[in-house]
Amino acid sequence: MKRGQASHERTWTDAAAAVDWLTKHYLDNPPAGHGDGARQGSELDHKRTYALDVLPGGVDVSWVYYNRAGNIVSINVVCCPNIHHPDLACPLAL
C-alpha cells in the first residue's frame, strides 16, 4: 500500500533471507536489557522461529521494542501476497 517505499534490495523470495535481515537490524539495535543476556538470546531465537514459520504463509512480521537508548525500534517484513490482503497487488514485480 506504500508503493514508493518498496525496493528490490529489500525484497526476498526466501523467508530465511528476510529473517536474517530482521536479525541483523535487531542485533544492530538491541533491546533494553532485562539484566539477563540469556533471556534476550532466547527471545531472539523465539522471534526467528516464529518469523520462519509464518512468513511463507503470507503473514507479516513486526518486531517492536525499546532499545537501550530508550527509543522505539520497529522492524517489519510485509508479505506479498499477503494472507490478510489477498486482493492487493505486490508493489514490485520480481
N, C-alpha and C. Protein backbone atom coordinates (compact mmCIF):
# COMPACT_ATOMS: atom_id res chain seq x y z
N MET A 1 0.82 -1.19 0.00
CA MET A 1 0.00 0.00 0.00
C MET A 1 0.87 1.25 0.00
N LYS A 2 2.16 1.11 0.29
CA LYS A 2 3.10 2.23 0.25
C LYS A 2 4.12 1.95 -0.84
N ARG A 3 3.66 1.99 -2.06
CA ARG A 3 4.48 1.59 -3.20
C ARG A 3 5.81 2.34 -3.28
N GLY A 4 5.85 3.60 -2.93
CA GLY A 4 7.07 4.38 -3.02
C GLY A 4 8.16 3.94 -2.05
N GLN A 5 7.81 3.14 -1.05
CA GLN A 5 8.79 2.70 -0.06
C GLN A 5 9.33 1.31 -0.35
N ALA A 6 8.81 0.64 -1.35
CA ALA A 6 9.28 -0.70 -1.70
C ALA A 6 10.55 -0.58 -2.53
N SER A 7 11.43 -1.57 -2.39
CA SER A 7 12.65 -1.57 -3.19
C SER A 7 13.11 -3.00 -3.42
N HIS A 8 13.77 -3.22 -4.54
CA HIS A 8 14.25 -4.55 -4.89
C HIS A 8 15.30 -5.08 -3.91
N GLU A 9 16.15 -4.17 -3.37
CA GLU A 9 17.19 -4.65 -2.46
C GLU A 9 16.63 -5.08 -1.11
N ARG A 10 15.38 -4.75 -0.83
CA ARG A 10 14.73 -5.20 0.40
C ARG A 10 13.53 -6.10 0.07
N THR A 11 13.69 -6.89 -0.98
CA THR A 11 12.66 -7.82 -1.40
C THR A 11 13.27 -9.21 -1.48
N TRP A 12 12.61 -10.18 -0.83
CA TRP A 12 13.14 -11.54 -0.78
C TRP A 12 12.09 -12.54 -1.21
N THR A 13 12.53 -13.64 -1.77
CA THR A 13 11.63 -14.75 -2.07
C THR A 13 11.85 -15.90 -1.09
N ASP A 14 12.86 -15.76 -0.23
CA ASP A 14 13.20 -16.78 0.75
C ASP A 14 13.00 -16.20 2.15
N ALA A 15 12.16 -16.86 2.96
CA ALA A 15 11.88 -16.37 4.31
C ALA A 15 13.15 -16.27 5.15
N ALA A 16 14.08 -17.20 4.98
CA ALA A 16 15.31 -17.18 5.78
C ALA A 16 16.12 -15.91 5.52
N ALA A 17 16.16 -15.45 4.28
CA ALA A 17 16.87 -14.21 3.97
C ALA A 17 16.20 -13.01 4.63
N ALA A 18 14.88 -12.99 4.64
CA ALA A 18 14.14 -11.90 5.30
C ALA A 18 14.39 -11.93 6.82
N VAL A 19 14.42 -13.12 7.40
CA VAL A 19 14.66 -13.25 8.84
C VAL A 19 16.10 -12.86 9.17
N ASP A 20 17.03 -13.16 8.30
CA ASP A 20 18.41 -12.72 8.51
C ASP A 20 18.48 -11.20 8.53
N TRP A 21 17.73 -10.54 7.64
CA TRP A 21 17.67 -9.07 7.61
C TRP A 21 17.08 -8.54 8.92
N LEU A 22 15.97 -9.13 9.37
CA LEU A 22 15.38 -8.73 10.64
C LEU A 22 16.39 -8.88 11.78
N THR A 23 17.07 -10.02 11.81
CA THR A 23 18.03 -10.31 12.87
C THR A 23 19.18 -9.32 12.87
N LYS A 24 19.70 -8.98 11.69
CA LYS A 24 20.79 -8.01 11.60
C LYS A 24 20.38 -6.69 12.23
N HIS A 25 19.20 -6.21 11.89
CA HIS A 25 18.74 -4.92 12.43
C HIS A 25 18.44 -5.02 13.93
N TYR A 26 17.96 -6.16 14.38
CA TYR A 26 17.74 -6.40 15.80
C TYR A 26 19.07 -6.33 16.56
N LEU A 27 20.09 -6.99 16.03
CA LEU A 27 21.39 -7.00 16.69
C LEU A 27 22.09 -5.65 16.61
N ASP A 28 21.84 -4.90 15.52
CA ASP A 28 22.41 -3.55 15.39
C ASP A 28 21.75 -2.58 16.37
N ASN A 29 20.52 -2.85 16.76
CA ASN A 29 19.75 -2.00 17.67
C ASN A 29 19.16 -2.88 18.77
N PRO A 30 19.98 -3.39 19.68
CA PRO A 30 19.49 -4.36 20.67
C PRO A 30 18.47 -3.74 21.61
N PRO A 31 17.58 -4.58 22.13
CA PRO A 31 16.56 -4.08 23.06
C PRO A 31 17.18 -3.72 24.41
N ALA A 32 16.43 -2.91 25.14
CA ALA A 32 16.85 -2.59 26.51
C ALA A 32 16.96 -3.89 27.28
N GLY A 33 18.00 -4.02 28.07
CA GLY A 33 18.26 -5.26 28.78
C GLY A 33 17.29 -5.53 29.91
N HIS A 34 17.10 -6.79 30.16
CA HIS A 34 16.31 -7.23 31.29
C HIS A 34 17.25 -7.69 32.41
N GLY A 35 18.55 -7.49 32.21
CA GLY A 35 19.52 -7.94 33.18
C GLY A 35 19.92 -9.39 33.00
N ASP A 36 19.36 -10.04 31.99
CA ASP A 36 19.64 -11.46 31.76
C ASP A 36 19.92 -11.66 30.28
N GLY A 37 21.19 -11.71 29.89
CA GLY A 37 21.55 -11.87 28.48
C GLY A 37 21.02 -13.14 27.87
N ALA A 38 20.90 -14.21 28.67
CA ALA A 38 20.37 -15.48 28.16
C ALA A 38 18.91 -15.32 27.75
N ARG A 39 18.15 -14.55 28.52
CA ARG A 39 16.73 -14.32 28.19
C ARG A 39 16.60 -13.61 26.85
N GLN A 40 17.46 -12.61 26.61
CA GLN A 40 17.40 -11.90 25.34
C GLN A 40 17.76 -12.82 24.18
N GLY A 41 18.73 -13.70 24.38
CA GLY A 41 19.09 -14.64 23.33
C GLY A 41 17.96 -15.58 23.00
N SER A 42 17.27 -16.09 24.02
CA SER A 42 16.14 -16.99 23.77
C SER A 42 14.98 -16.22 23.15
N GLU A 43 14.83 -14.95 23.50
CA GLU A 43 13.78 -14.13 22.89
C GLU A 43 14.03 -13.99 21.38
N LEU A 44 15.27 -13.74 20.99
CA LEU A 44 15.61 -13.64 19.58
C LEU A 44 15.38 -14.97 18.88
N ASP A 45 15.77 -16.06 19.50
CA ASP A 45 15.53 -17.39 18.90
C ASP A 45 14.03 -17.61 18.67
N HIS A 46 13.21 -17.23 19.64
CA HIS A 46 11.76 -17.38 19.50
C HIS A 46 11.23 -16.51 18.37
N LYS A 47 11.69 -15.26 18.30
CA LYS A 47 11.26 -14.36 17.23
C LYS A 47 11.63 -14.94 15.86
N ARG A 48 12.84 -15.45 15.73
CA ARG A 48 13.29 -16.01 14.45
C ARG A 48 12.46 -17.24 14.07
N THR A 49 12.24 -18.12 15.04
CA THR A 49 11.47 -19.34 14.77
C THR A 49 10.06 -18.99 14.32
N TYR A 50 9.42 -18.05 15.01
CA TYR A 50 8.07 -17.64 14.65
C TYR A 50 8.05 -17.04 13.24
N ALA A 51 8.99 -16.14 12.95
CA ALA A 51 9.03 -15.49 11.64
C ALA A 51 9.23 -16.52 10.52
N LEU A 52 10.13 -17.46 10.74
CA LEU A 52 10.36 -18.50 9.72
C LEU A 52 9.13 -19.37 9.51
N ASP A 53 8.31 -19.50 10.54
CA ASP A 53 7.09 -20.29 10.45
C ASP A 53 5.97 -19.57 9.69
N VAL A 54 5.78 -18.28 9.94
CA VAL A 54 4.62 -17.58 9.39
C VAL A 54 4.86 -16.86 8.07
N LEU A 55 6.08 -16.41 7.81
CA LEU A 55 6.33 -15.67 6.56
C LEU A 55 5.96 -16.46 5.31
N PRO A 56 6.31 -17.74 5.20
CA PRO A 56 5.94 -18.47 3.99
C PRO A 56 4.43 -18.59 3.77
N GLY A 57 3.64 -18.40 4.84
CA GLY A 57 2.19 -18.45 4.73
C GLY A 57 1.55 -17.11 4.41
N GLY A 58 2.37 -16.08 4.21
CA GLY A 58 1.84 -14.77 3.83
C GLY A 58 1.47 -13.89 5.01
N VAL A 59 2.04 -14.16 6.19
CA VAL A 59 1.76 -13.36 7.38
C VAL A 59 2.93 -12.41 7.64
N ASP A 60 2.62 -11.13 7.82
CA ASP A 60 3.65 -10.13 8.10
C ASP A 60 4.28 -10.38 9.47
N VAL A 61 5.50 -9.87 9.65
CA VAL A 61 6.20 -9.98 10.92
C VAL A 61 6.67 -8.59 11.33
N SER A 62 6.38 -8.23 12.58
CA SER A 62 6.82 -6.95 13.15
C SER A 62 7.51 -7.20 14.47
N TRP A 63 8.69 -6.67 14.61
CA TRP A 63 9.42 -6.72 15.87
C TRP A 63 9.49 -5.28 16.38
N VAL A 64 8.85 -5.00 17.49
CA VAL A 64 8.80 -3.64 18.04
C VAL A 64 9.22 -3.71 19.50
N TYR A 65 10.17 -2.86 19.87
CA TYR A 65 10.68 -2.86 21.24
C TYR A 65 11.42 -1.55 21.48
N TYR A 66 11.78 -1.31 22.74
CA TYR A 66 12.60 -0.16 23.09
C TYR A 66 14.06 -0.59 23.14
N ASN A 67 14.94 0.23 22.56
CA ASN A 67 16.37 -0.09 22.60
C ASN A 67 16.99 0.48 23.87
N ARG A 68 18.27 0.27 24.01
CA ARG A 68 18.97 0.68 25.23
C ARG A 68 18.96 2.19 25.45
N ALA A 69 18.83 2.95 24.37
CA ALA A 69 18.78 4.41 24.47
C ALA A 69 17.38 4.90 24.82
N GLY A 70 16.42 3.97 24.88
CA GLY A 70 15.04 4.35 25.22
C GLY A 70 14.19 4.72 24.01
N ASN A 71 14.73 4.50 22.82
CA ASN A 71 13.97 4.77 21.59
C ASN A 71 13.21 3.53 21.16
N ILE A 72 12.09 3.75 20.50
CA ILE A 72 11.33 2.61 20.00
C ILE A 72 11.93 2.17 18.66
N VAL A 73 12.07 0.87 18.50
CA VAL A 73 12.58 0.28 17.27
C VAL A 73 11.45 -0.56 16.67
N SER A 74 11.20 -0.37 15.40
CA SER A 74 10.17 -1.14 14.70
C SER A 74 10.77 -1.68 13.41
N ILE A 75 10.90 -3.02 13.36
CA ILE A 75 11.49 -3.69 12.20
C ILE A 75 10.39 -4.60 11.64
N ASN A 76 10.09 -4.46 10.36
CA ASN A 76 8.94 -5.15 9.78
C ASN A 76 9.25 -5.79 8.44
N VAL A 77 8.63 -6.94 8.20
CA VAL A 77 8.65 -7.58 6.90
C VAL A 77 7.19 -7.79 6.50
N VAL A 78 6.84 -7.27 5.33
CA VAL A 78 5.48 -7.35 4.83
C VAL A 78 5.45 -8.35 3.68
N CYS A 79 4.53 -9.30 3.78
CA CYS A 79 4.43 -10.36 2.76
C CYS A 79 3.61 -9.92 1.56
N CYS A 80 4.00 -10.46 0.44
CA CYS A 80 3.30 -10.20 -0.80
C CYS A 80 3.39 -11.47 -1.64
N PRO A 81 2.30 -12.15 -1.90
CA PRO A 81 0.93 -11.82 -1.50
C PRO A 81 0.76 -12.00 0.01
N ASN A 82 -0.22 -11.29 0.53
CA ASN A 82 -0.47 -11.26 1.96
C ASN A 82 -1.78 -11.98 2.27
N ILE A 83 -1.75 -12.85 3.26
CA ILE A 83 -2.93 -13.64 3.60
C ILE A 83 -4.10 -12.75 4.03
N HIS A 84 -3.81 -11.60 4.63
CA HIS A 84 -4.86 -10.71 5.13
C HIS A 84 -5.35 -9.72 4.08
N HIS A 85 -4.59 -9.52 3.02
CA HIS A 85 -4.97 -8.59 1.95
C HIS A 85 -4.70 -9.25 0.60
N PRO A 86 -5.39 -10.33 0.29
CA PRO A 86 -5.08 -11.09 -0.93
C PRO A 86 -5.37 -10.34 -2.23
N ASP A 87 -6.20 -9.30 -2.19
CA ASP A 87 -6.55 -8.58 -3.40
C ASP A 87 -5.58 -7.45 -3.74
N LEU A 88 -4.68 -7.15 -2.83
CA LEU A 88 -3.71 -6.09 -3.11
C LEU A 88 -2.57 -6.62 -3.94
N ALA A 89 -2.26 -5.90 -4.98
CA ALA A 89 -1.15 -6.31 -5.85
C ALA A 89 0.18 -6.00 -5.18
N CYS A 90 1.18 -6.79 -5.47
CA CYS A 90 2.52 -6.54 -4.95
C CYS A 90 3.08 -5.27 -5.58
N PRO A 91 3.79 -4.44 -4.79
CA PRO A 91 4.30 -3.18 -5.34
C PRO A 91 5.48 -3.37 -6.29
N LEU A 92 6.14 -4.51 -6.24
CA LEU A 92 7.28 -4.77 -7.11
C LEU A 92 7.09 -6.06 -7.88
N ALA A 93 7.47 -6.05 -9.10
CA ALA A 93 7.50 -7.31 -9.88
C ALA A 93 8.89 -7.90 -9.69
N LEU A 94 8.96 -9.15 -9.25
CA LEU A 94 10.27 -9.76 -9.02
C LEU A 94 10.86 -10.29 -10.31
